[in-house]
């Protein structure tokens, strides 16, 4: 438990000087069951690209409670998130972004598992400052697995329920 807390504190400290948004470039941290880590949000004209490098803290915590290893990072699972969204301004300080997103689970070995689908993201920018808060809701409907010898994919009506675990909240700092 001490190791994961130390890693989270270090990642948060590294993200503080580079956090989020009156300009087109923002960075920060996000917190979620399957995605806890750093995130960058870049606006390119009419679209925004959001990229995150994360650790699934909730999954690791359940593994630890079930008697798993002592937070060993040697064979840990990591997540990478990407979103391509269209920002809709709903006021001077609030915007809603709607688009497509992806959450990829990997341990950097020969296989990976991913969820893709719709993303709805609300951003609130604190007036007069570079800091903003966001909440991202994922609604995945496509599942895929990539490996050295096999790749498979499919759609499912139950996959949007996975969004409960892949959704995040966070803070951004605008450059």
N, C-alpha and C. Protein backbone atom coordinates (compact mmCIF):
# COMPACT_ATOMS: atom_id res chain seq x y z
N UNK A 1 0.82 -1.19 0.00
CA UNK A 1 0.00 0.00 0.00
C UNK A 1 0.87 1.26 0.00
N UNK A 2 1.99 1.20 0.72
CA UNK A 2 2.87 2.35 0.80
C UNK A 2 3.50 2.66 -0.55
N UNK A 3 3.83 1.62 -1.32
CA UNK A 3 4.45 1.83 -2.62
C UNK A 3 3.51 2.54 -3.58
N UNK A 4 2.25 2.09 -3.66
CA UNK A 4 1.32 2.70 -4.59
C UNK A 4 1.01 4.13 -4.18
N UNK A 5 0.93 4.39 -2.89
CA UNK A 5 0.69 5.75 -2.41
C UNK A 5 1.88 6.65 -2.76
N UNK A 6 3.08 6.12 -2.62
CA UNK A 6 4.28 6.88 -2.97
C UNK A 6 4.32 7.18 -4.46
N UNK A 7 4.00 6.18 -5.29
CA UNK A 7 3.99 6.38 -6.74
C UNK A 7 2.94 7.42 -7.12
N UNK A 8 1.76 7.36 -6.52
CA UNK A 8 0.70 8.32 -6.82
C UNK A 8 1.12 9.74 -6.42
N UNK A 9 1.76 9.89 -5.28
CA UNK A 9 2.21 11.21 -4.83
C UNK A 9 3.28 11.77 -5.79
N UNK A 10 4.20 10.90 -6.22
CA UNK A 10 5.24 11.34 -7.16
C UNK A 10 4.62 11.77 -8.48
N UNK A 11 3.67 10.98 -9.02
CA UNK A 11 3.01 11.34 -10.28
C UNK A 11 2.24 12.64 -10.14
N UNK A 12 1.57 12.84 -9.01
CA UNK A 12 0.81 14.07 -8.79
C UNK A 12 1.74 15.27 -8.69
N UNK A 13 2.85 15.10 -8.00
CA UNK A 13 3.82 16.19 -7.87
C UNK A 13 4.43 16.55 -9.22
N UNK A 14 4.72 15.56 -10.05
CA UNK A 14 5.26 15.83 -11.37
C UNK A 14 4.24 16.53 -12.27
N UNK A 15 2.96 16.25 -12.06
CA UNK A 15 1.92 16.83 -12.90
C UNK A 15 1.56 18.25 -12.49
N UNK A 16 1.80 18.65 -11.25
CA UNK A 16 1.39 19.98 -10.79
C UNK A 16 1.99 21.13 -11.58
N UNK A 17 3.28 21.14 -11.91
CA UNK A 17 3.81 22.29 -12.63
C UNK A 17 3.30 22.40 -14.07
N UNK A 18 2.72 21.33 -14.63
CA UNK A 18 2.31 21.37 -16.02
C UNK A 18 0.80 21.24 -16.18
N UNK A 19 -0.03 21.62 -15.18
CA UNK A 19 -1.45 21.43 -15.29
C UNK A 19 -2.20 22.52 -16.07
N UNK A 20 -3.49 22.86 -16.88
CA UNK A 20 -4.60 23.15 -17.75
C UNK A 20 -5.37 24.23 -18.43
N UNK A 21 -6.13 25.30 -18.89
CA UNK A 21 -6.85 25.67 -20.07
C UNK A 21 -7.26 27.01 -20.66
N UNK A 22 -7.01 28.13 -20.39
CA UNK A 22 -7.36 29.25 -21.27
C UNK A 22 -6.62 29.19 -22.60
N UNK A 23 -5.59 28.41 -22.74
CA UNK A 23 -4.91 28.24 -24.02
C UNK A 23 -5.31 26.90 -24.62
N UNK A 24 -4.70 26.55 -25.74
CA UNK A 24 -5.04 25.32 -26.44
C UNK A 24 -4.38 24.08 -25.85
N UNK A 25 -3.42 24.27 -24.94
CA UNK A 25 -2.69 23.14 -24.39
C UNK A 25 -2.89 23.08 -22.89
N UNK A 26 -3.19 21.88 -22.39
CA UNK A 26 -3.40 21.71 -20.96
C UNK A 26 -2.88 20.34 -20.53
N UNK A 27 -2.48 20.24 -19.29
CA UNK A 27 -2.02 18.97 -18.73
C UNK A 27 -2.49 18.90 -17.29
N UNK A 28 -2.56 17.70 -16.75
CA UNK A 28 -3.02 17.56 -15.38
C UNK A 28 -3.03 16.12 -14.94
N UNK A 29 -3.93 15.83 -14.02
CA UNK A 29 -4.04 14.50 -13.43
C UNK A 29 -5.49 14.08 -13.43
N UNK A 30 -5.71 12.77 -13.57
CA UNK A 30 -7.06 12.23 -13.50
C UNK A 30 -7.11 11.09 -12.50
N UNK A 31 -8.29 10.88 -11.95
CA UNK A 31 -8.50 9.85 -10.95
C UNK A 31 -9.71 9.02 -11.36
N UNK A 32 -9.52 7.72 -11.44
CA UNK A 32 -10.59 6.82 -11.79
C UNK A 32 -10.24 5.41 -11.35
N UNK A 33 -11.22 4.53 -11.36
CA UNK A 33 -11.02 3.15 -10.93
C UNK A 33 -9.99 2.44 -11.81
N UNK A 34 -10.11 2.61 -13.13
CA UNK A 34 -9.19 1.94 -14.06
C UNK A 34 -8.12 2.86 -14.62
N UNK A 35 -8.23 4.16 -14.36
CA UNK A 35 -7.28 5.11 -14.94
C UNK A 35 -6.95 6.22 -13.96
N UNK A 36 -5.84 6.07 -13.25
CA UNK A 36 -5.36 7.10 -12.34
C UNK A 36 -3.95 7.47 -12.79
N UNK A 37 -3.77 8.73 -13.20
CA UNK A 37 -2.46 9.13 -13.68
C UNK A 37 -2.45 10.52 -14.28
N UNK A 38 -1.55 10.73 -15.22
CA UNK A 38 -1.38 12.04 -15.85
C UNK A 38 -2.13 12.08 -17.18
N UNK A 39 -2.52 13.30 -17.58
CA UNK A 39 -3.30 13.48 -18.80
C UNK A 39 -2.89 14.78 -19.48
N UNK A 40 -2.91 14.78 -20.81
CA UNK A 40 -2.66 15.99 -21.59
C UNK A 40 -3.85 16.22 -22.50
N UNK A 41 -4.28 17.47 -22.63
CA UNK A 41 -5.43 17.83 -23.45
C UNK A 41 -5.00 18.91 -24.43
N UNK A 42 -5.09 18.60 -25.72
CA UNK A 42 -4.61 19.49 -26.77
C UNK A 42 -5.76 19.81 -27.71
N UNK A 43 -5.97 21.10 -27.98
CA UNK A 43 -7.02 21.49 -28.92
C UNK A 43 -6.38 21.88 -30.24
N UNK A 44 -6.85 21.26 -31.31
CA UNK A 44 -6.37 21.53 -32.66
C UNK A 44 -7.56 21.98 -33.50
N UNK A 45 -7.77 23.29 -33.58
CA UNK A 45 -8.89 23.82 -34.35
C UNK A 45 -10.21 23.38 -33.75
N UNK A 46 -11.03 22.68 -34.54
CA UNK A 46 -12.37 22.30 -34.05
C UNK A 46 -12.41 21.01 -33.22
N UNK A 47 -11.29 20.33 -33.04
CA UNK A 47 -11.28 19.09 -32.27
C UNK A 47 -10.26 19.17 -31.14
N UNK A 48 -10.45 18.31 -30.15
CA UNK A 48 -9.53 18.23 -29.01
C UNK A 48 -9.05 16.79 -28.87
N UNK A 49 -7.77 16.63 -28.58
CA UNK A 49 -7.16 15.32 -28.37
C UNK A 49 -6.74 15.23 -26.91
N UNK A 50 -7.16 14.17 -26.24
CA UNK A 50 -6.83 13.95 -24.84
C UNK A 50 -6.07 12.63 -24.75
N UNK A 51 -4.89 12.66 -24.14
CA UNK A 51 -4.04 11.47 -24.02
C UNK A 51 -3.67 11.29 -22.56
N UNK A 52 -3.78 10.06 -22.04
CA UNK A 52 -3.43 9.81 -20.65
C UNK A 52 -2.59 8.56 -20.48
N UNK A 53 -1.68 8.59 -19.53
CA UNK A 53 -0.87 7.44 -19.13
C UNK A 53 -1.23 7.17 -17.67
N UNK A 54 -1.72 5.97 -17.39
CA UNK A 54 -2.38 5.72 -16.12
C UNK A 54 -2.01 4.38 -15.50
N UNK A 55 -2.36 4.26 -14.24
CA UNK A 55 -2.24 3.03 -13.47
C UNK A 55 -3.64 2.69 -12.95
N UNK A 56 -4.11 1.45 -13.09
CA UNK A 56 -5.45 1.10 -12.61
C UNK A 56 -5.45 0.88 -11.09
N UNK A 57 -5.51 1.96 -10.34
CA UNK A 57 -5.40 1.88 -8.88
C UNK A 57 -6.52 1.07 -8.25
N UNK A 58 -7.73 1.17 -8.75
CA UNK A 58 -8.86 0.42 -8.19
C UNK A 58 -8.69 -1.08 -8.39
N UNK A 59 -8.25 -1.48 -9.56
CA UNK A 59 -8.03 -2.90 -9.84
C UNK A 59 -6.89 -3.43 -8.99
N UNK A 60 -5.82 -2.65 -8.86
CA UNK A 60 -4.68 -3.07 -8.03
C UNK A 60 -5.07 -3.17 -6.57
N UNK A 61 -5.94 -2.28 -6.10
CA UNK A 61 -6.38 -2.32 -4.71
C UNK A 61 -7.22 -3.58 -4.44
N UNK A 62 -8.11 -3.94 -5.34
CA UNK A 62 -8.91 -5.16 -5.18
C UNK A 62 -8.00 -6.38 -5.22
N UNK A 63 -7.01 -6.37 -6.10
CA UNK A 63 -6.05 -7.48 -6.17
C UNK A 63 -5.29 -7.61 -4.86
N UNK A 64 -4.92 -6.47 -4.27
CA UNK A 64 -4.21 -6.47 -2.99
C UNK A 64 -5.11 -7.00 -1.87
N UNK A 65 -6.37 -6.59 -1.84
CA UNK A 65 -7.31 -7.07 -0.82
C UNK A 65 -7.58 -8.56 -0.95
N UNK A 66 -7.53 -9.07 -2.17
CA UNK A 66 -7.78 -10.49 -2.40
C UNK A 66 -6.56 -11.36 -2.10
N UNK A 67 -5.50 -10.77 -1.60
CA UNK A 67 -4.31 -11.55 -1.24
C UNK A 67 -3.29 -11.63 -2.35
N UNK A 68 -3.37 -10.71 -3.29
CA UNK A 68 -2.40 -10.68 -4.39
C UNK A 68 -1.03 -10.24 -3.90
N UNK A 69 -0.14 -10.04 -4.83
CA UNK A 69 1.22 -9.65 -4.49
C UNK A 69 1.24 -8.28 -3.82
N UNK A 70 2.35 -7.95 -3.23
CA UNK A 70 2.52 -6.69 -2.49
C UNK A 70 2.74 -5.53 -3.44
N UNK A 71 1.76 -5.22 -4.27
CA UNK A 71 1.82 -4.10 -5.20
C UNK A 71 3.02 -4.20 -6.13
N UNK A 72 3.43 -5.42 -6.45
CA UNK A 72 4.57 -5.61 -7.34
C UNK A 72 4.28 -5.03 -8.71
N UNK A 73 5.13 -4.14 -9.18
CA UNK A 73 4.93 -3.51 -10.47
C UNK A 73 5.55 -4.30 -11.62
N UNK A 74 6.20 -5.43 -11.31
CA UNK A 74 6.87 -6.20 -12.35
C UNK A 74 5.87 -6.71 -13.39
N UNK A 75 4.73 -7.21 -12.97
CA UNK A 75 3.72 -7.68 -13.90
C UNK A 75 2.40 -6.96 -13.68
N UNK A 76 2.46 -5.66 -13.47
CA UNK A 76 1.28 -4.84 -13.27
C UNK A 76 0.61 -4.51 -14.59
N UNK A 77 -0.62 -4.12 -14.49
CA UNK A 77 -1.41 -3.70 -15.63
C UNK A 77 -1.39 -2.17 -15.69
N UNK A 78 -1.22 -1.61 -16.86
CA UNK A 78 -1.24 -0.17 -17.05
C UNK A 78 -2.35 0.17 -18.05
N UNK A 79 -2.85 1.39 -17.99
CA UNK A 79 -3.86 1.82 -18.94
C UNK A 79 -3.40 3.06 -19.67
N UNK A 80 -3.79 3.13 -20.92
CA UNK A 80 -3.56 4.32 -21.73
C UNK A 80 -4.90 4.76 -22.29
N UNK A 81 -5.21 6.05 -22.16
CA UNK A 81 -6.48 6.57 -22.63
C UNK A 81 -6.25 7.59 -23.73
N UNK A 82 -7.14 7.58 -24.71
CA UNK A 82 -7.14 8.59 -25.77
C UNK A 82 -8.58 8.96 -26.08
N UNK A 83 -8.82 10.24 -26.31
CA UNK A 83 -10.13 10.73 -26.69
C UNK A 83 -9.96 11.74 -27.81
N UNK A 84 -10.83 11.69 -28.79
CA UNK A 84 -10.90 12.69 -29.84
C UNK A 84 -12.31 13.28 -29.77
N UNK A 85 -12.41 14.54 -29.36
CA UNK A 85 -13.70 15.13 -29.06
C UNK A 85 -13.91 16.46 -29.78
N UNK A 86 -15.18 16.87 -29.83
CA UNK A 86 -15.57 18.16 -30.39
C UNK A 86 -16.04 19.04 -29.24
N UNK A 87 -15.34 20.14 -28.93
CA UNK A 87 -15.74 21.01 -27.81
C UNK A 87 -16.96 21.87 -28.16
N UNK A 88 -17.91 21.92 -27.23
CA UNK A 88 -19.09 22.76 -27.36
C UNK A 88 -19.09 23.72 -26.18
N UNK A 89 -18.98 25.01 -26.45
CA UNK A 89 -18.93 26.01 -25.38
C UNK A 89 -20.34 26.24 -24.84
N UNK A 90 -20.52 26.07 -23.54
CA UNK A 90 -21.81 26.30 -22.89
C UNK A 90 -21.75 27.48 -21.94
N UNK A 91 -20.81 28.34 -22.13
CA UNK A 91 -20.63 29.51 -21.29
C UNK A 91 -19.17 29.92 -21.31
N UNK A 92 -18.88 30.98 -20.58
CA UNK A 92 -17.52 31.49 -20.56
C UNK A 92 -16.55 30.54 -19.88
N UNK A 93 -17.03 29.81 -18.87
CA UNK A 93 -16.15 28.95 -18.07
C UNK A 93 -16.44 27.46 -18.21
N UNK A 94 -17.45 27.08 -18.98
CA UNK A 94 -17.85 25.67 -19.05
C UNK A 94 -17.92 25.22 -20.50
N UNK A 95 -17.38 24.05 -20.76
CA UNK A 95 -17.50 23.46 -22.10
C UNK A 95 -17.83 21.98 -21.97
N UNK A 96 -18.50 21.47 -22.97
CA UNK A 96 -18.86 20.07 -23.05
C UNK A 96 -18.18 19.51 -24.29
N UNK A 97 -17.48 18.40 -24.13
CA UNK A 97 -16.79 17.77 -25.26
C UNK A 97 -17.42 16.41 -25.51
N UNK A 98 -17.77 16.17 -26.77
CA UNK A 98 -18.41 14.92 -27.17
C UNK A 98 -17.60 14.31 -28.30
N UNK A 99 -17.35 13.00 -28.23
CA UNK A 99 -16.56 12.36 -29.29
C UNK A 99 -16.38 10.88 -29.04
N UNK A 100 -15.26 10.37 -29.52
CA UNK A 100 -14.93 8.95 -29.38
C UNK A 100 -13.72 8.81 -28.47
N UNK A 101 -13.66 7.69 -27.77
CA UNK A 101 -12.56 7.47 -26.85
C UNK A 101 -12.14 6.02 -26.81
N UNK A 102 -10.97 5.79 -26.21
CA UNK A 102 -10.38 4.47 -26.15
C UNK A 102 -9.67 4.30 -24.81
N UNK A 103 -9.81 3.15 -24.20
CA UNK A 103 -9.05 2.79 -23.00
C UNK A 103 -8.36 1.46 -23.29
N UNK A 104 -7.03 1.46 -23.21
CA UNK A 104 -6.24 0.28 -23.53
C UNK A 104 -5.56 -0.23 -22.27
N UNK A 105 -5.76 -1.51 -21.95
CA UNK A 105 -5.12 -2.15 -20.81
C UNK A 105 -3.97 -3.01 -21.33
N UNK A 106 -2.78 -2.82 -20.75
CA UNK A 106 -1.63 -3.58 -21.21
C UNK A 106 -0.63 -3.75 -20.06
N UNK A 107 0.18 -4.78 -20.16
CA UNK A 107 1.31 -4.94 -19.25
C UNK A 107 2.61 -4.93 -20.06
N UNK A 108 2.53 -4.36 -21.26
CA UNK A 108 3.65 -4.22 -22.18
C UNK A 108 4.29 -5.56 -22.53
N UNK A 109 3.47 -6.58 -22.62
CA UNK A 109 3.94 -7.88 -23.09
C UNK A 109 3.35 -8.11 -24.48
N UNK A 110 3.01 -9.33 -24.79
CA UNK A 110 2.57 -9.64 -26.15
C UNK A 110 1.08 -9.41 -26.40
N UNK A 111 0.30 -8.96 -25.41
CA UNK A 111 -1.13 -8.77 -25.65
C UNK A 111 -1.66 -7.52 -24.95
N UNK A 112 -2.81 -7.06 -25.43
CA UNK A 112 -3.47 -5.89 -24.86
C UNK A 112 -4.97 -6.04 -25.05
N UNK A 113 -5.74 -5.41 -24.18
CA UNK A 113 -7.20 -5.43 -24.23
C UNK A 113 -7.69 -3.99 -24.22
N UNK A 114 -8.67 -3.68 -25.06
CA UNK A 114 -9.13 -2.30 -25.13
C UNK A 114 -10.64 -2.18 -25.27
N UNK A 115 -11.15 -1.02 -24.85
CA UNK A 115 -12.55 -0.66 -24.98
C UNK A 115 -12.61 0.65 -25.76
N UNK A 116 -13.51 0.74 -26.73
CA UNK A 116 -13.69 1.98 -27.49
C UNK A 116 -15.17 2.33 -27.54
N UNK A 117 -15.44 3.63 -27.60
CA UNK A 117 -16.83 4.06 -27.66
C UNK A 117 -16.98 5.56 -27.55
N UNK A 118 -18.13 5.98 -27.09
CA UNK A 118 -18.49 7.39 -26.98
C UNK A 118 -17.94 7.96 -25.68
N UNK A 119 -17.51 9.23 -25.76
CA UNK A 119 -16.99 9.95 -24.58
C UNK A 119 -17.75 11.26 -24.45
N UNK A 120 -18.20 11.56 -23.23
CA UNK A 120 -18.80 12.85 -22.91
C UNK A 120 -17.96 13.42 -21.77
N UNK A 121 -17.44 14.64 -21.99
CA UNK A 121 -16.52 15.23 -21.02
C UNK A 121 -16.93 16.67 -20.73
N UNK A 122 -17.18 16.96 -19.47
CA UNK A 122 -17.48 18.33 -19.06
C UNK A 122 -16.27 18.96 -18.42
N UNK A 123 -15.97 20.23 -18.82
CA UNK A 123 -14.83 20.95 -18.26
C UNK A 123 -15.30 22.29 -17.70
N UNK A 124 -14.89 22.56 -16.49
CA UNK A 124 -15.18 23.85 -15.86
C UNK A 124 -13.86 24.53 -15.55
N UNK A 125 -13.66 25.74 -16.07
CA UNK A 125 -12.44 26.50 -15.87
C UNK A 125 -12.68 27.56 -14.81
N UNK A 126 -11.90 27.55 -13.77
CA UNK A 126 -12.03 28.50 -12.67
C UNK A 126 -11.73 29.90 -13.20
N UNK A 127 -12.65 30.82 -12.96
CA UNK A 127 -12.56 32.17 -13.50
C UNK A 127 -11.28 32.87 -13.03
N UNK A 128 -10.57 33.46 -13.99
CA UNK A 128 -9.38 34.24 -13.68
C UNK A 128 -8.12 33.43 -13.45
N UNK A 129 -8.17 32.15 -13.66
CA UNK A 129 -6.98 31.34 -13.41
C UNK A 129 -6.80 30.27 -14.47
N UNK A 130 -5.67 29.60 -14.44
CA UNK A 130 -5.38 28.59 -15.45
C UNK A 130 -5.88 27.19 -15.08
N UNK A 131 -6.54 27.04 -13.94
CA UNK A 131 -6.95 25.72 -13.48
C UNK A 131 -8.37 25.38 -13.89
N UNK A 132 -8.59 24.11 -14.19
CA UNK A 132 -9.90 23.63 -14.56
C UNK A 132 -10.16 22.25 -13.98
N UNK A 133 -11.43 21.92 -13.86
CA UNK A 133 -11.86 20.61 -13.38
C UNK A 133 -12.62 19.92 -14.49
N UNK A 134 -12.51 18.60 -14.56
CA UNK A 134 -13.25 17.88 -15.60
C UNK A 134 -13.81 16.58 -15.05
N UNK A 135 -14.86 16.11 -15.71
CA UNK A 135 -15.45 14.79 -15.46
C UNK A 135 -15.68 14.15 -16.82
N UNK A 136 -15.15 12.95 -16.99
CA UNK A 136 -15.25 12.25 -18.27
C UNK A 136 -16.07 10.98 -18.07
N UNK A 137 -17.11 10.83 -18.87
CA UNK A 137 -17.96 9.65 -18.83
C UNK A 137 -17.73 8.85 -20.10
N UNK A 138 -17.33 7.61 -19.94
CA UNK A 138 -17.10 6.71 -21.07
C UNK A 138 -18.33 5.83 -21.27
N UNK A 139 -18.68 5.59 -22.52
CA UNK A 139 -19.74 4.66 -22.88
C UNK A 139 -19.21 3.72 -23.97
N UNK A 140 -18.35 2.76 -23.58
CA UNK A 140 -17.75 1.89 -24.60
C UNK A 140 -18.79 0.90 -25.15
N UNK A 141 -18.67 0.61 -26.43
CA UNK A 141 -19.54 -0.39 -27.04
C UNK A 141 -18.76 -1.37 -27.91
N UNK A 142 -17.45 -1.18 -28.01
CA UNK A 142 -16.59 -2.02 -28.83
C UNK A 142 -15.44 -2.54 -27.99
N UNK A 143 -15.22 -3.85 -28.02
CA UNK A 143 -14.16 -4.51 -27.26
C UNK A 143 -13.18 -5.12 -28.25
N UNK A 144 -11.88 -4.98 -27.98
CA UNK A 144 -10.90 -5.59 -28.86
C UNK A 144 -9.72 -6.12 -28.05
N UNK A 145 -9.09 -7.15 -28.59
CA UNK A 145 -7.89 -7.75 -27.99
C UNK A 145 -6.85 -7.89 -29.09
N UNK A 146 -5.63 -7.50 -28.76
CA UNK A 146 -4.53 -7.55 -29.72
C UNK A 146 -3.43 -8.41 -29.11
N UNK A 147 -2.91 -9.34 -29.89
CA UNK A 147 -1.83 -10.18 -29.41
C UNK A 147 -0.84 -10.49 -30.53
N UNK A 148 0.21 -11.25 -30.19
CA UNK A 148 1.21 -11.62 -31.19
C UNK A 148 0.61 -12.48 -32.29
N UNK A 149 -0.21 -13.44 -31.92
CA UNK A 149 -0.72 -14.38 -32.92
C UNK A 149 -2.21 -14.21 -33.21
N UNK A 150 -2.96 -13.59 -32.31
CA UNK A 150 -4.41 -13.50 -32.48
C UNK A 150 -4.87 -12.07 -32.21
N UNK A 151 -5.84 -11.63 -33.00
CA UNK A 151 -6.52 -10.36 -32.74
C UNK A 151 -8.01 -10.61 -32.91
N UNK A 152 -8.80 -10.13 -31.97
CA UNK A 152 -10.24 -10.31 -32.07
C UNK A 152 -10.94 -9.05 -31.59
N UNK A 153 -12.20 -8.90 -32.00
CA UNK A 153 -12.96 -7.73 -31.61
C UNK A 153 -14.44 -8.07 -31.66
N UNK A 154 -15.24 -7.18 -31.08
CA UNK A 154 -16.68 -7.40 -31.12
C UNK A 154 -17.45 -6.30 -30.43
N UNK A 155 -18.74 -6.28 -30.70
CA UNK A 155 -19.66 -5.33 -30.10
C UNK A 155 -20.50 -6.04 -29.06
N UNK A 156 -20.95 -5.31 -28.05
CA UNK A 156 -21.81 -5.89 -27.03
C UNK A 156 -22.73 -4.82 -26.47
N UNK A 157 -23.98 -5.22 -26.19
CA UNK A 157 -24.94 -4.28 -25.60
C UNK A 157 -24.63 -4.00 -24.14
N UNK A 158 -23.91 -4.88 -23.47
CA UNK A 158 -23.59 -4.70 -22.06
C UNK A 158 -22.33 -3.90 -21.79
N UNK A 159 -21.52 -3.65 -22.82
CA UNK A 159 -20.26 -2.95 -22.62
C UNK A 159 -20.39 -1.52 -22.08
N UNK A 160 -21.46 -0.76 -22.38
CA UNK A 160 -21.53 0.58 -21.78
C UNK A 160 -21.48 0.57 -20.25
N UNK A 161 -21.82 -0.55 -19.62
CA UNK A 161 -21.71 -0.66 -18.17
C UNK A 161 -20.26 -0.63 -17.70
N UNK A 162 -19.32 -0.99 -18.57
CA UNK A 162 -17.90 -0.92 -18.23
C UNK A 162 -17.49 0.53 -18.01
N UNK A 163 -18.22 1.47 -18.60
CA UNK A 163 -17.95 2.89 -18.43
C UNK A 163 -17.97 3.35 -16.99
N UNK A 164 -18.67 2.63 -16.13
CA UNK A 164 -18.67 2.94 -14.70
C UNK A 164 -17.24 2.87 -14.15
N UNK A 165 -16.45 1.93 -14.67
CA UNK A 165 -15.09 1.73 -14.19
C UNK A 165 -14.05 2.53 -14.95
N UNK A 166 -14.33 2.89 -16.21
CA UNK A 166 -13.34 3.60 -17.01
C UNK A 166 -13.54 5.12 -17.01
N UNK A 167 -14.61 5.62 -16.43
CA UNK A 167 -14.84 7.06 -16.33
C UNK A 167 -13.90 7.67 -15.29
N UNK A 168 -13.56 8.97 -15.47
CA UNK A 168 -12.60 9.62 -14.58
C UNK A 168 -13.02 11.05 -14.25
N UNK A 169 -12.41 11.58 -13.22
CA UNK A 169 -12.51 13.00 -12.86
C UNK A 169 -11.08 13.50 -12.70
N UNK A 170 -10.89 14.81 -12.85
CA UNK A 170 -9.53 15.30 -12.72
C UNK A 170 -9.42 16.80 -12.73
N UNK A 171 -8.17 17.24 -12.78
CA UNK A 171 -7.85 18.66 -12.76
C UNK A 171 -6.84 18.93 -13.87
N UNK A 172 -6.99 20.08 -14.51
CA UNK A 172 -6.10 20.47 -15.60
C UNK A 172 -5.48 21.83 -15.31
N UNK A 173 -4.36 22.09 -15.92
CA UNK A 173 -3.69 23.37 -15.85
C UNK A 173 -3.38 23.82 -17.27
N UNK A 174 -3.76 25.02 -17.63
CA UNK A 174 -3.57 25.53 -18.98
C UNK A 174 -2.25 26.26 -19.11
N UNK A 175 -1.53 25.99 -20.19
CA UNK A 175 -0.24 26.65 -20.43
C UNK A 175 -0.45 28.03 -21.00
